[in-house]
């Protein structure tokens, strides 16, 4: 990233490349983390988005509709539907129709789904701890706080731009 910034500064010396240095680094970190594909999840036969759906059902502690799951996981409805089909076929999630409205489906973890999430979460967190081990505790806290602030600002600004 530093080389890219130097090249832009040489090509366009009057431009402020500060934003590129932050957004470029965030994008590069995201790409590297996605390439690693969360080894413990991969060993369990799960993708990160599938685990996010299972995790949302586990942490909320109650049934959710597909729309609620999409909001919880910041996913599109179509992506949630596709992943739920696979997770249901694997016996990790079960669907229950709403007796008052046949169009509504409620989703919950099966015992196998709950056991999988409960078993893999400590392993996944240990993996993520190892990934972040180059930063000490205070640095991790500072980074988390700064990213949280940026995320909050982006969600507000970009959400307003979409309407």
N, C-alpha and C. Protein backbone atom coordinates (compact mmCIF):
# COMPACT_ATOMS: atom_id res chain seq x y z
N UNK A 1 0.83 -1.19 0.00
CA UNK A 1 0.00 0.00 0.00
C UNK A 1 0.87 1.25 0.00
N UNK A 2 1.97 1.18 0.75
CA UNK A 2 2.87 2.34 0.80
C UNK A 2 3.43 2.64 -0.59
N UNK A 3 3.74 1.60 -1.36
CA UNK A 3 4.26 1.80 -2.71
C UNK A 3 3.20 2.44 -3.61
N UNK A 4 1.97 2.01 -3.50
CA UNK A 4 0.88 2.58 -4.29
C UNK A 4 0.73 4.06 -3.98
N UNK A 5 0.76 4.40 -2.71
CA UNK A 5 0.63 5.81 -2.30
C UNK A 5 1.79 6.63 -2.85
N UNK A 6 3.02 6.10 -2.75
CA UNK A 6 4.19 6.82 -3.29
C UNK A 6 4.03 7.05 -4.79
N UNK A 7 3.54 6.05 -5.50
CA UNK A 7 3.36 6.18 -6.94
C UNK A 7 2.32 7.26 -7.27
N UNK A 8 1.21 7.29 -6.53
CA UNK A 8 0.20 8.32 -6.77
C UNK A 8 0.74 9.70 -6.41
N UNK A 9 1.52 9.79 -5.36
CA UNK A 9 2.09 11.08 -4.98
C UNK A 9 3.06 11.57 -6.04
N UNK A 10 3.78 10.65 -6.67
CA UNK A 10 4.70 11.04 -7.75
C UNK A 10 3.92 11.44 -9.00
N UNK A 11 2.85 10.70 -9.30
CA UNK A 11 2.07 10.98 -10.51
C UNK A 11 1.19 12.21 -10.36
N UNK A 12 0.66 12.43 -9.15
CA UNK A 12 -0.24 13.55 -8.88
C UNK A 12 0.17 14.21 -7.56
N UNK A 13 1.29 14.95 -7.56
CA UNK A 13 1.83 15.47 -6.30
C UNK A 13 0.89 16.37 -5.50
N UNK A 14 -0.09 16.95 -6.10
CA UNK A 14 -0.98 17.86 -5.38
C UNK A 14 -2.14 17.17 -4.67
N UNK A 15 -2.31 15.87 -4.88
CA UNK A 15 -3.46 15.18 -4.28
C UNK A 15 -3.16 14.72 -2.87
N UNK A 16 -4.15 14.80 -2.01
CA UNK A 16 -4.05 14.27 -0.65
C UNK A 16 -4.41 12.79 -0.70
N UNK A 17 -3.42 11.93 -0.49
CA UNK A 17 -3.64 10.48 -0.56
C UNK A 17 -3.96 9.89 0.81
N UNK A 18 -4.16 10.72 1.81
CA UNK A 18 -4.46 10.23 3.15
C UNK A 18 -5.64 9.27 3.20
N UNK A 19 -6.77 9.62 2.59
CA UNK A 19 -7.90 8.69 2.62
C UNK A 19 -7.58 7.35 1.97
N UNK A 20 -6.80 7.38 0.89
CA UNK A 20 -6.41 6.14 0.21
C UNK A 20 -5.58 5.26 1.14
N UNK A 21 -4.75 5.89 1.95
CA UNK A 21 -3.91 5.12 2.86
C UNK A 21 -4.76 4.36 3.89
N UNK A 22 -5.85 4.94 4.33
CA UNK A 22 -6.72 4.28 5.31
C UNK A 22 -7.62 3.26 4.63
N UNK A 23 -8.37 3.69 3.63
CA UNK A 23 -9.33 2.80 2.98
C UNK A 23 -8.60 1.68 2.25
N UNK A 24 -7.50 1.99 1.62
CA UNK A 24 -6.72 0.96 0.94
C UNK A 24 -6.22 -0.11 1.90
N UNK A 25 -5.76 0.32 3.06
CA UNK A 25 -5.28 -0.65 4.06
C UNK A 25 -6.42 -1.48 4.63
N UNK A 26 -7.56 -0.85 4.88
CA UNK A 26 -8.72 -1.62 5.36
C UNK A 26 -9.12 -2.65 4.31
N UNK A 27 -9.17 -2.24 3.05
CA UNK A 27 -9.54 -3.16 1.98
C UNK A 27 -8.54 -4.30 1.85
N UNK A 28 -7.28 -3.98 1.96
CA UNK A 28 -6.24 -5.02 1.85
C UNK A 28 -6.33 -5.99 3.03
N UNK A 29 -6.55 -5.47 4.24
CA UNK A 29 -6.72 -6.35 5.40
C UNK A 29 -7.92 -7.27 5.19
N UNK A 30 -9.03 -6.73 4.70
CA UNK A 30 -10.22 -7.54 4.46
C UNK A 30 -9.94 -8.62 3.43
N UNK A 31 -9.22 -8.27 2.37
CA UNK A 31 -8.90 -9.26 1.34
C UNK A 31 -8.02 -10.37 1.89
N UNK A 32 -7.02 -10.01 2.70
CA UNK A 32 -6.13 -11.03 3.28
C UNK A 32 -6.89 -11.93 4.25
N UNK A 33 -7.77 -11.34 5.04
CA UNK A 33 -8.57 -12.15 5.97
C UNK A 33 -9.51 -13.08 5.21
N UNK A 34 -10.06 -12.62 4.10
CA UNK A 34 -10.94 -13.48 3.30
C UNK A 34 -10.15 -14.59 2.63
N UNK A 35 -8.92 -14.30 2.21
CA UNK A 35 -8.09 -15.34 1.60
C UNK A 35 -7.79 -16.45 2.59
N UNK A 36 -7.58 -16.09 3.84
CA UNK A 36 -7.30 -17.09 4.87
C UNK A 36 -8.52 -17.98 5.09
N UNK A 37 -9.71 -17.45 4.75
CA UNK A 37 -10.97 -18.19 4.81
C UNK A 37 -11.26 -18.79 6.17
N UNK A 38 -10.76 -18.18 7.23
CA UNK A 38 -11.11 -18.65 8.56
C UNK A 38 -10.92 -20.15 8.70
N UNK A 39 -9.68 -20.56 8.86
CA UNK A 39 -9.30 -21.98 8.87
C UNK A 39 -10.21 -22.87 9.73
N UNK A 40 -10.53 -22.51 10.96
CA UNK A 40 -11.40 -23.39 11.74
C UNK A 40 -12.78 -23.58 11.11
N UNK A 41 -13.31 -22.53 10.54
CA UNK A 41 -14.61 -22.64 9.88
C UNK A 41 -14.51 -23.55 8.66
N UNK A 42 -13.46 -23.37 7.90
CA UNK A 42 -13.25 -24.19 6.71
C UNK A 42 -13.14 -25.67 7.08
N UNK A 43 -12.42 -25.95 8.17
CA UNK A 43 -12.29 -27.35 8.63
C UNK A 43 -13.63 -27.93 9.03
N UNK A 44 -14.53 -27.08 9.52
CA UNK A 44 -15.87 -27.53 9.91
C UNK A 44 -16.82 -27.57 8.72
N UNK A 45 -16.32 -27.21 7.54
CA UNK A 45 -17.16 -27.23 6.34
C UNK A 45 -18.09 -26.04 6.23
N UNK A 46 -17.72 -24.93 6.88
CA UNK A 46 -18.55 -23.72 6.86
C UNK A 46 -17.81 -22.56 6.22
N UNK A 47 -18.56 -21.73 5.56
CA UNK A 47 -18.01 -20.44 5.11
C UNK A 47 -18.30 -19.42 6.20
N UNK A 48 -17.64 -18.29 6.16
CA UNK A 48 -17.89 -17.22 7.12
C UNK A 48 -19.36 -16.76 7.07
N UNK A 49 -19.92 -16.56 5.86
CA UNK A 49 -21.34 -16.14 5.84
C UNK A 49 -22.28 -17.18 6.44
N UNK A 50 -22.00 -18.47 6.23
CA UNK A 50 -22.83 -19.51 6.85
C UNK A 50 -22.70 -19.46 8.37
N UNK A 51 -21.48 -19.31 8.84
CA UNK A 51 -21.26 -19.23 10.28
C UNK A 51 -21.95 -18.01 10.87
N UNK A 52 -21.94 -16.91 10.12
CA UNK A 52 -22.61 -15.70 10.59
C UNK A 52 -24.11 -15.94 10.78
N UNK A 53 -24.73 -16.68 9.87
CA UNK A 53 -26.15 -17.01 10.02
C UNK A 53 -26.39 -17.90 11.23
N UNK A 54 -25.58 -18.93 11.37
CA UNK A 54 -25.71 -19.82 12.52
C UNK A 54 -25.46 -19.05 13.81
N UNK A 55 -24.45 -18.21 13.80
CA UNK A 55 -24.12 -17.42 14.98
C UNK A 55 -25.23 -16.47 15.36
N UNK A 56 -25.89 -15.86 14.38
CA UNK A 56 -27.00 -14.95 14.67
C UNK A 56 -28.14 -15.71 15.33
N UNK A 57 -28.43 -16.90 14.84
CA UNK A 57 -29.49 -17.70 15.45
C UNK A 57 -29.10 -18.12 16.87
N UNK A 58 -27.83 -18.39 17.09
CA UNK A 58 -27.37 -18.83 18.42
C UNK A 58 -27.35 -17.67 19.41
N UNK A 59 -26.79 -16.53 19.01
CA UNK A 59 -26.59 -15.45 19.97
C UNK A 59 -27.88 -14.71 20.32
N UNK A 60 -28.84 -14.68 19.38
CA UNK A 60 -30.10 -14.01 19.70
C UNK A 60 -30.95 -14.87 20.63
N UNK A 61 -30.77 -16.16 20.56
CA UNK A 61 -31.47 -17.06 21.46
C UNK A 61 -32.93 -17.29 21.14
N UNK A 62 -33.37 -16.87 19.96
CA UNK A 62 -34.77 -17.11 19.57
C UNK A 62 -34.85 -17.28 18.07
N UNK A 63 -36.01 -17.72 17.62
CA UNK A 63 -36.23 -17.89 16.19
C UNK A 63 -36.18 -16.54 15.48
N UNK A 64 -35.73 -16.59 14.24
CA UNK A 64 -35.69 -15.39 13.40
C UNK A 64 -36.31 -15.71 12.05
N UNK A 65 -36.85 -14.71 11.41
CA UNK A 65 -37.31 -14.86 10.04
C UNK A 65 -36.12 -14.66 9.10
N UNK A 66 -36.23 -15.08 7.85
CA UNK A 66 -35.13 -14.82 6.92
C UNK A 66 -34.79 -13.32 6.80
N UNK A 67 -35.80 -12.47 6.83
CA UNK A 67 -35.55 -11.02 6.76
C UNK A 67 -34.78 -10.52 7.96
N UNK A 68 -35.14 -11.01 9.15
CA UNK A 68 -34.41 -10.63 10.36
C UNK A 68 -32.97 -11.12 10.29
N UNK A 69 -32.77 -12.33 9.77
CA UNK A 69 -31.41 -12.86 9.62
C UNK A 69 -30.60 -12.01 8.65
N UNK A 70 -31.24 -11.58 7.57
CA UNK A 70 -30.53 -10.73 6.60
C UNK A 70 -30.07 -9.44 7.28
N UNK A 71 -30.94 -8.84 8.07
CA UNK A 71 -30.56 -7.60 8.77
C UNK A 71 -29.47 -7.86 9.80
N UNK A 72 -29.57 -8.96 10.53
CA UNK A 72 -28.58 -9.30 11.55
C UNK A 72 -27.19 -9.51 10.96
N UNK A 73 -27.15 -10.05 9.75
CA UNK A 73 -25.86 -10.43 9.15
C UNK A 73 -25.43 -9.51 8.02
N UNK A 74 -26.19 -8.44 7.78
CA UNK A 74 -25.87 -7.49 6.71
C UNK A 74 -25.75 -8.19 5.36
N UNK A 75 -26.65 -9.13 5.11
CA UNK A 75 -26.66 -9.91 3.88
C UNK A 75 -27.90 -9.60 3.08
N UNK A 76 -27.85 -9.92 1.79
CA UNK A 76 -29.05 -9.76 0.96
C UNK A 76 -30.00 -10.91 1.25
N UNK A 77 -31.26 -10.67 0.97
CA UNK A 77 -32.25 -11.72 1.14
C UNK A 77 -31.95 -12.95 0.31
N UNK A 78 -31.51 -12.73 -0.93
CA UNK A 78 -31.20 -13.85 -1.81
C UNK A 78 -30.04 -14.69 -1.26
N UNK A 79 -29.02 -14.01 -0.73
CA UNK A 79 -27.88 -14.73 -0.17
C UNK A 79 -28.30 -15.54 1.05
N UNK A 80 -29.14 -14.96 1.89
CA UNK A 80 -29.62 -15.67 3.08
C UNK A 80 -30.42 -16.89 2.66
N UNK A 81 -31.30 -16.74 1.68
CA UNK A 81 -32.12 -17.85 1.22
C UNK A 81 -31.24 -19.00 0.73
N UNK A 82 -30.23 -18.68 -0.06
CA UNK A 82 -29.33 -19.71 -0.60
C UNK A 82 -28.59 -20.43 0.54
N UNK A 83 -28.05 -19.66 1.47
CA UNK A 83 -27.29 -20.26 2.57
C UNK A 83 -28.20 -21.09 3.48
N UNK A 84 -29.40 -20.59 3.73
CA UNK A 84 -30.33 -21.32 4.58
C UNK A 84 -30.71 -22.66 3.97
N UNK A 85 -30.85 -22.70 2.66
CA UNK A 85 -31.17 -23.96 1.99
C UNK A 85 -30.07 -24.98 2.27
N UNK A 86 -28.82 -24.56 2.14
CA UNK A 86 -27.70 -25.46 2.39
C UNK A 86 -27.63 -25.88 3.85
N UNK A 87 -27.82 -24.93 4.76
CA UNK A 87 -27.74 -25.25 6.19
C UNK A 87 -28.89 -26.13 6.64
N UNK A 88 -30.05 -25.95 6.01
CA UNK A 88 -31.20 -26.80 6.32
C UNK A 88 -30.94 -28.22 5.82
N UNK A 89 -30.42 -28.33 4.60
CA UNK A 89 -30.10 -29.65 4.04
C UNK A 89 -29.07 -30.39 4.88
N UNK A 90 -28.19 -29.66 5.54
CA UNK A 90 -27.16 -30.26 6.39
C UNK A 90 -27.69 -30.57 7.79
N UNK A 91 -28.93 -30.20 8.06
CA UNK A 91 -29.53 -30.49 9.35
C UNK A 91 -29.09 -29.56 10.46
N UNK A 92 -28.63 -28.36 10.11
CA UNK A 92 -28.16 -27.40 11.11
C UNK A 92 -29.21 -26.36 11.47
N UNK A 93 -30.14 -26.13 10.56
CA UNK A 93 -31.21 -25.16 10.76
C UNK A 93 -32.52 -25.84 10.39
N UNK A 94 -33.56 -25.50 11.13
CA UNK A 94 -34.89 -25.99 10.75
C UNK A 94 -35.84 -24.82 10.59
N UNK A 95 -36.80 -25.03 9.71
CA UNK A 95 -37.81 -24.02 9.39
C UNK A 95 -39.13 -24.41 10.05
N UNK A 96 -39.87 -23.40 10.48
CA UNK A 96 -41.20 -23.62 11.03
C UNK A 96 -42.11 -22.56 10.44
N UNK A 97 -43.19 -22.99 9.85
CA UNK A 97 -44.16 -22.05 9.30
C UNK A 97 -44.91 -21.34 10.41
N UNK A 98 -45.33 -20.14 10.11
CA UNK A 98 -46.12 -19.36 11.06
C UNK A 98 -47.58 -19.77 10.92
N UNK A 99 -48.22 -20.21 12.00
CA UNK A 99 -49.62 -20.65 11.89
C UNK A 99 -50.58 -19.53 11.52
N UNK A 100 -50.22 -18.27 11.80
CA UNK A 100 -51.10 -17.14 11.49
C UNK A 100 -50.90 -16.60 10.08
N UNK A 101 -49.69 -16.82 9.52
CA UNK A 101 -49.39 -16.28 8.19
C UNK A 101 -48.50 -17.28 7.47
N UNK A 102 -49.05 -17.98 6.50
CA UNK A 102 -48.30 -19.04 5.81
C UNK A 102 -47.12 -18.50 5.02
N UNK A 103 -47.08 -17.20 4.77
CA UNK A 103 -45.95 -16.62 4.03
C UNK A 103 -44.71 -16.46 4.90
N UNK A 104 -44.87 -16.50 6.22
CA UNK A 104 -43.78 -16.25 7.16
C UNK A 104 -43.16 -17.58 7.59
N UNK A 105 -41.83 -17.60 7.61
CA UNK A 105 -41.08 -18.77 8.05
C UNK A 105 -40.22 -18.35 9.24
N UNK A 106 -40.19 -19.17 10.26
CA UNK A 106 -39.34 -18.94 11.42
C UNK A 106 -38.21 -19.96 11.38
N UNK A 107 -37.01 -19.51 11.72
CA UNK A 107 -35.83 -20.36 11.64
C UNK A 107 -35.21 -20.52 13.02
N UNK A 108 -34.70 -21.71 13.27
CA UNK A 108 -33.99 -21.94 14.52
C UNK A 108 -32.92 -22.99 14.28
N UNK A 109 -31.95 -22.99 15.18
CA UNK A 109 -30.89 -23.99 15.11
C UNK A 109 -31.44 -25.34 15.55
N UNK A 110 -30.97 -26.38 14.91
CA UNK A 110 -31.22 -27.73 15.41
C UNK A 110 -30.21 -27.99 16.52
N UNK A 111 -30.36 -29.09 17.22
CA UNK A 111 -29.37 -29.44 18.23
C UNK A 111 -27.99 -29.57 17.60
N UNK A 112 -27.93 -30.15 16.39
CA UNK A 112 -26.65 -30.29 15.69
C UNK A 112 -26.06 -28.91 15.36
N UNK A 113 -26.91 -27.97 14.96
CA UNK A 113 -26.45 -26.62 14.65
C UNK A 113 -25.92 -25.92 15.89
N UNK A 114 -26.64 -26.06 16.99
CA UNK A 114 -26.21 -25.45 18.25
C UNK A 114 -24.88 -26.06 18.71
N UNK A 115 -24.76 -27.38 18.62
CA UNK A 115 -23.52 -28.04 19.03
C UNK A 115 -22.35 -27.59 18.15
N UNK A 116 -22.61 -27.45 16.85
CA UNK A 116 -21.55 -27.01 15.94
C UNK A 116 -21.07 -25.60 16.30
N UNK A 117 -22.01 -24.68 16.48
CA UNK A 117 -21.63 -23.30 16.82
C UNK A 117 -20.90 -23.27 18.16
N UNK A 118 -21.45 -23.95 19.16
CA UNK A 118 -20.82 -23.94 20.48
C UNK A 118 -19.44 -24.58 20.47
N UNK A 119 -19.25 -25.56 19.60
CA UNK A 119 -17.95 -26.21 19.52
C UNK A 119 -16.92 -25.41 18.75
N UNK A 120 -17.36 -24.74 17.69
CA UNK A 120 -16.40 -24.05 16.84
C UNK A 120 -16.09 -22.63 17.30
N UNK A 121 -17.00 -21.99 18.04
CA UNK A 121 -16.76 -20.60 18.43
C UNK A 121 -15.47 -20.42 19.23
N UNK A 122 -15.19 -21.23 20.24
CA UNK A 122 -13.92 -21.04 20.95
C UNK A 122 -12.69 -21.24 20.05
N UNK A 123 -12.77 -22.18 19.14
CA UNK A 123 -11.67 -22.44 18.21
C UNK A 123 -11.51 -21.26 17.25
N UNK A 124 -12.63 -20.73 16.76
CA UNK A 124 -12.58 -19.59 15.85
C UNK A 124 -12.02 -18.36 16.55
N UNK A 125 -12.44 -18.13 17.79
CA UNK A 125 -11.92 -16.98 18.53
C UNK A 125 -10.43 -17.12 18.81
N UNK A 126 -9.97 -18.33 19.07
CA UNK A 126 -8.53 -18.56 19.25
C UNK A 126 -7.78 -18.26 17.96
N UNK A 127 -8.35 -18.66 16.83
CA UNK A 127 -7.76 -18.37 15.52
C UNK A 127 -7.68 -16.86 15.30
N UNK A 128 -8.77 -16.16 15.59
CA UNK A 128 -8.78 -14.71 15.40
C UNK A 128 -7.81 -14.02 16.35
N UNK A 129 -7.65 -14.55 17.55
CA UNK A 129 -6.66 -14.02 18.49
C UNK A 129 -5.25 -14.16 17.90
N UNK A 130 -4.98 -15.31 17.30
CA UNK A 130 -3.67 -15.53 16.68
C UNK A 130 -3.46 -14.58 15.50
N UNK A 131 -4.50 -14.35 14.72
CA UNK A 131 -4.39 -13.44 13.58
C UNK A 131 -4.03 -12.03 14.05
N UNK A 132 -4.58 -11.63 15.19
CA UNK A 132 -4.34 -10.28 15.71
C UNK A 132 -3.17 -10.20 16.69
N UNK A 133 -2.42 -11.27 16.84
CA UNK A 133 -1.39 -11.33 17.87
C UNK A 133 -0.26 -10.33 17.68
N UNK A 134 -0.13 -9.75 16.50
CA UNK A 134 0.90 -8.74 16.28
C UNK A 134 0.59 -7.42 16.95
N UNK A 135 -0.62 -7.25 17.42
CA UNK A 135 -1.03 -6.04 18.13
C UNK A 135 -1.25 -6.39 19.59
N UNK A 136 -0.74 -5.55 20.50
CA UNK A 136 -0.98 -5.83 21.92
C UNK A 136 -2.40 -5.43 22.29
N UNK A 137 -2.81 -5.76 23.50
CA UNK A 137 -4.17 -5.52 23.96
C UNK A 137 -4.64 -4.09 23.78
N UNK A 138 -3.86 -3.10 24.26
CA UNK A 138 -4.30 -1.71 24.08
C UNK A 138 -4.42 -1.31 22.60
N UNK A 139 -3.50 -1.80 21.77
CA UNK A 139 -3.59 -1.48 20.34
C UNK A 139 -4.85 -2.09 19.73
N UNK A 140 -5.16 -3.32 20.13
CA UNK A 140 -6.38 -3.96 19.62
C UNK A 140 -7.62 -3.18 20.06
N UNK A 141 -7.62 -2.74 21.30
CA UNK A 141 -8.75 -1.95 21.80
C UNK A 141 -8.89 -0.64 21.06
N UNK A 142 -7.77 0.02 20.82
CA UNK A 142 -7.79 1.29 20.09
C UNK A 142 -8.27 1.09 18.66
N UNK A 143 -7.76 0.04 18.01
CA UNK A 143 -8.18 -0.25 16.64
C UNK A 143 -9.66 -0.57 16.59
N UNK A 144 -10.13 -1.40 17.52
CA UNK A 144 -11.56 -1.74 17.56
C UNK A 144 -12.41 -0.49 17.75
N UNK A 145 -11.99 0.40 18.64
CA UNK A 145 -12.74 1.62 18.88
C UNK A 145 -12.76 2.52 17.64
N UNK A 146 -11.61 2.68 17.00
CA UNK A 146 -11.55 3.51 15.79
C UNK A 146 -12.38 2.92 14.66
N UNK A 147 -12.29 1.62 14.47
CA UNK A 147 -13.08 0.97 13.42
C UNK A 147 -14.57 1.05 13.75
N UNK A 148 -14.90 0.93 15.02
CA UNK A 148 -16.30 1.07 15.43
C UNK A 148 -16.84 2.45 15.13
N UNK A 149 -16.04 3.47 15.40
CA UNK A 149 -16.45 4.84 15.10
C UNK A 149 -16.60 5.04 13.59
N UNK A 150 -15.64 4.55 12.82
CA UNK A 150 -15.71 4.67 11.36
C UNK A 150 -16.95 3.95 10.84
N UNK A 151 -17.19 2.75 11.33
CA UNK A 151 -18.35 1.98 10.89
C UNK A 151 -19.65 2.72 11.21
N UNK A 152 -19.73 3.26 12.39
CA UNK A 152 -20.93 3.99 12.78
C UNK A 152 -21.17 5.19 11.86
N UNK A 153 -20.11 5.91 11.57
CA UNK A 153 -20.23 7.07 10.68
C UNK A 153 -20.62 6.64 9.27
N UNK A 154 -19.99 5.57 8.77
CA UNK A 154 -20.28 5.10 7.42
C UNK A 154 -21.72 4.60 7.31
N UNK A 155 -22.16 3.85 8.30
CA UNK A 155 -23.53 3.34 8.27
C UNK A 155 -24.53 4.48 8.23
N UNK A 156 -24.27 5.53 8.97
CA UNK A 156 -25.15 6.68 8.96
C UNK A 156 -25.12 7.43 7.65
N UNK A 157 -23.90 7.72 7.16
CA UNK A 157 -23.75 8.50 5.94
C UNK A 157 -24.17 7.72 4.70
N UNK A 158 -23.66 6.50 4.60
CA UNK A 158 -23.95 5.71 3.40
C UNK A 158 -25.40 5.24 3.40
N UNK A 159 -25.95 4.98 4.56
CA UNK A 159 -27.37 4.62 4.64
C UNK A 159 -28.24 5.76 4.14
N UNK A 160 -27.88 6.99 4.49
CA UNK A 160 -28.64 8.16 4.04
C UNK A 160 -28.49 8.36 2.53
N UNK A 161 -27.33 8.01 2.00
CA UNK A 161 -27.10 8.19 0.56
C UNK A 161 -27.92 7.20 -0.26
N UNK A 162 -28.23 6.02 0.30
CA UNK A 162 -28.98 4.99 -0.42
C UNK A 162 -30.46 5.34 -0.57
N UNK A 163 -30.96 6.20 0.29
CA UNK A 163 -32.42 6.50 0.25
C UNK A 163 -32.74 7.56 -0.75
